Amino acid sequence: MCTTEVSNKTVEHKKSFAAVVYIPSNGQSSQYAIPMHENQYHLGPKSLDKQRKVGKQVGRKFITRAMDGHMDDIRGIIQREAKI
């Protein structure tokens, strides 16, 4: 997936904030990014090679795993954007 296609924005609600992840519908990764994140996705040879090379799980819930692994960074972004 081309990671430069993925962007984010912090959105303010009445009593909370939300981190929104955008994947453009016309982007190279749009055909598989959401299905890979949401569904049981069968990894192709390149994904399996990457998984072996980096020693980390790839595929399903990749957005959630990335967020879980960087909570301090995300908290800092929200604080900057919300000017807390």
C-alpha atoms as a PDB file:
ATOM      1  CA  MET A   1       0.000   0.000   0.000  1.00  0.00           C
ATOM      2  CA  CYS A   2       1.210   3.493  -0.750  1.00  0.00           C
ATOM      3  CA  THR A   3       1.284   5.042   2.729  1.00  0.00           C
ATOM      4  CA  THR A   4       1.335   8.589   1.344  1.00  0.00           C
ATOM      5  CA  GLU A   5      -2.287   8.055   0.285  1.00  0.00           C
ATOM      6  CA  VAL A   6      -3.396   7.570   3.871  1.00  0.00           C
ATOM      7  CA  SER A   7      -4.074  10.758   5.801  1.00  0.00           C
ATOM      8  CA  ASN A   8      -5.640  11.674   9.096  1.00  0.00           C
ATOM      9  CA  LYS A   9      -7.567  14.420  10.796  1.00  0.00           C
ATOM     10  CA  THR A  10      -8.661  15.051  14.368  1.00  0.00           C
ATOM     11  CA  VAL A  11     -12.368  15.915  14.516  1.00  0.00           C
ATOM     12  CA  GLU A  12     -13.987  17.660  17.473  1.00  0.00           C
ATOM     13  CA  HIS A  13     -17.398  16.538  18.710  1.00  0.00           C
ATOM     14  CA  LYS A  14     -19.509  18.086  21.461  1.00  0.00           C
ATOM     15  CA  LYS A  15     -17.674  16.371  24.320  1.00  0.00           C
ATOM     16  CA  SER A  16     -14.890  14.406  22.627  1.00  0.00           C
ATOM     17  CA  PHE A  17     -12.448  14.112  19.761  1.00  0.00           C
ATOM     18  CA  ALA A  18     -12.081  11.450  17.076  1.00  0.00           C
ATOM     19  CA  ALA A  19      -9.107  10.455  14.952  1.00  0.00           C
ATOM     20  CA  VAL A  20     -10.267   9.935  11.369  1.00  0.00           C
ATOM     21  CA  VAL A  21      -8.220   7.958   8.840  1.00  0.00           C
ATOM     22  CA  TYR A  22      -8.806   8.729   5.162  1.00  0.00           C
ATOM     23  CA  ILE A  23      -8.070   6.420   2.240  1.00  0.00           C
ATOM     24  CA  PRO A  24      -9.018   8.105  -1.061  1.00  0.00           C
ATOM     25  CA  SER A  25     -11.477   6.117  -3.172  1.00  0.00           C
ATOM     26  CA  ASN A  26      -9.397   6.805  -6.296  1.00  0.00           C
ATOM     27  CA  GLY A  27      -6.066   5.841  -4.697  1.00  0.00           C
ATOM     28  CA  GLN A  28      -3.939   2.823  -5.609  1.00  0.00           C
ATOM     29  CA  SER A  29      -4.716   1.144  -2.302  1.00  0.00           C
ATOM     30  CA  SER A  30      -8.464   1.801  -2.286  1.00  0.00           C
ATOM     31  CA  GLN A  31      -9.254  -1.584  -3.833  1.00  0.00           C
ATOM     32  CA  TYR A  32      -7.759  -3.519  -0.933  1.00  0.00           C
ATOM     33  CA  ALA A  33      -7.033  -1.218   2.047  1.00  0.00           C
ATOM     34  CA  ILE A  34     -10.507  -1.320   3.610  1.00  0.00           C
ATOM     35  CA  PRO A  35     -11.196  -4.998   2.783  1.00  0.00           C
ATOM     36  CA  MET A  36      -7.755  -5.895   4.182  1.00  0.00           C
ATOM     37  CA  HIS A  37      -8.444  -3.968   7.390  1.00  0.00           C
ATOM     38  CA  GLU A  38     -12.053  -5.077   7.913  1.00  0.00           C
ATOM     39  CA  ASN A  39     -12.332  -8.595   6.507  1.00  0.00           C
ATOM     40  CA  GLN A  40     -10.528 -11.913   6.585  1.00  0.00           C
ATOM     41  CA  TYR A  41      -8.035 -11.054   3.865  1.00  0.00           C
ATOM     42  CA  HIS A  42      -5.833 -13.648   2.189  1.00  0.00           C
ATOM     43  CA  LEU A  43      -2.311 -12.234   2.115  1.00  0.00           C
ATOM     44  CA  GLY A  44      -0.486 -12.351  -1.188  1.00  0.00           C
ATOM     45  CA  PRO A  45       3.165 -13.320  -1.686  1.00  0.00           C
ATOM     46  CA  LYS A  46       4.463  -9.751  -1.186  1.00  0.00           C
ATOM     47  CA  SER A  47       2.572  -9.339   2.091  1.00  0.00           C
ATOM     48  CA  LEU A  48       3.819 -12.695   3.355  1.00  0.00           C
ATOM     49  CA  ASP A  49       7.390 -11.735   2.413  1.00  0.00           C
ATOM     50  CA  LYS A  50       7.020  -8.450   4.255  1.00  0.00           C
ATOM     51  CA  GLN A  51       5.635 -10.218   7.327  1.00  0.00           C
ATOM     52  CA  ARG A  52       8.626 -12.579   7.382  1.00  0.00           C
ATOM     53  CA  LYS A  53      11.090  -9.745   6.786  1.00  0.00           C
ATOM     54  CA  VAL A  54       9.828  -7.305   9.447  1.00  0.00           C
ATOM     55  CA  GLY A  55       8.747  -9.921  11.970  1.00  0.00           C
ATOM     56  CA  LYS A  56       5.368  -8.285  12.558  1.00  0.00           C
ATOM     57  CA  GLN A  57       1.854  -9.266  11.586  1.00  0.00           C
ATOM     58  CA  VAL A  58       0.536  -7.684   8.399  1.00  0.00           C
ATOM     59  CA  GLY A  59      -2.975  -7.742   7.007  1.00  0.00           C
ATOM     60  CA  ARG A  60      -6.239  -7.621   8.934  1.00  0.00           C
ATOM     61  CA  LYS A  61      -6.726  -4.662  11.319  1.00  0.00           C
ATOM     62  CA  PHE A  62      -3.465  -3.021  10.171  1.00  0.00           C
ATOM     63  CA  ILE A  63      -4.846   0.470  10.900  1.00  0.00           C
ATOM     64  CA  THR A  64      -5.913  -0.468  14.431  1.00  0.00           C
ATOM     65  CA  ARG A  65      -2.599  -2.190  15.161  1.00  0.00           C
ATOM     66  CA  ALA A  66      -0.681   0.852  13.952  1.00  0.00           C
ATOM     67  CA  MET A  67      -2.720   3.090  16.240  1.00  0.00           C
ATOM     68  CA  ASP A  68      -2.360   0.766  19.238  1.00  0.00           C
ATOM     69  CA  GLY A  69       1.402   0.736  18.801  1.00  0.00           C
ATOM     70  CA  HIS A  70       1.719   4.529  18.753  1.00  0.00           C
ATOM     71  CA  MET A  71      -0.689   5.805  21.407  1.00  0.00           C
ATOM     72  CA  ASP A  72       1.795   8.349  22.831  1.00  0.00           C
ATOM     73  CA  ASP A  73       2.350   9.838  19.354  1.00  0.00           C
ATOM     74  CA  ILE A  74      -1.396   9.930  18.685  1.00  0.00           C
ATOM     75  CA  ARG A  75      -2.090  11.564  22.035  1.00  0.00           C
ATOM     76  CA  GLY A  76       0.481  14.260  21.174  1.00  0.00           C
ATOM     77  CA  ILE A  77      -1.116  14.876  17.768  1.00  0.00           C
ATOM     78  CA  ILE A  78      -4.570  15.210  19.317  1.00  0.00           C
ATOM     79  CA  GLN A  79      -3.244  17.599  21.956  1.00  0.00           C
ATOM     80  CA  ARG A  80      -1.555  19.761  19.298  1.00  0.00           C
ATOM     81  CA  GLU A  81      -4.566  19.789  16.996  1.00  0.00           C
ATOM     82  CA  ALA A  82      -7.036  20.385  19.844  1.00  0.00           C
ATOM     83  CA  LYS A  83      -4.661  22.927  21.433  1.00  0.00           C
ATOM     84  CA  ILE A  84      -5.095  21.291  24.846  1.00  0.00           C
END
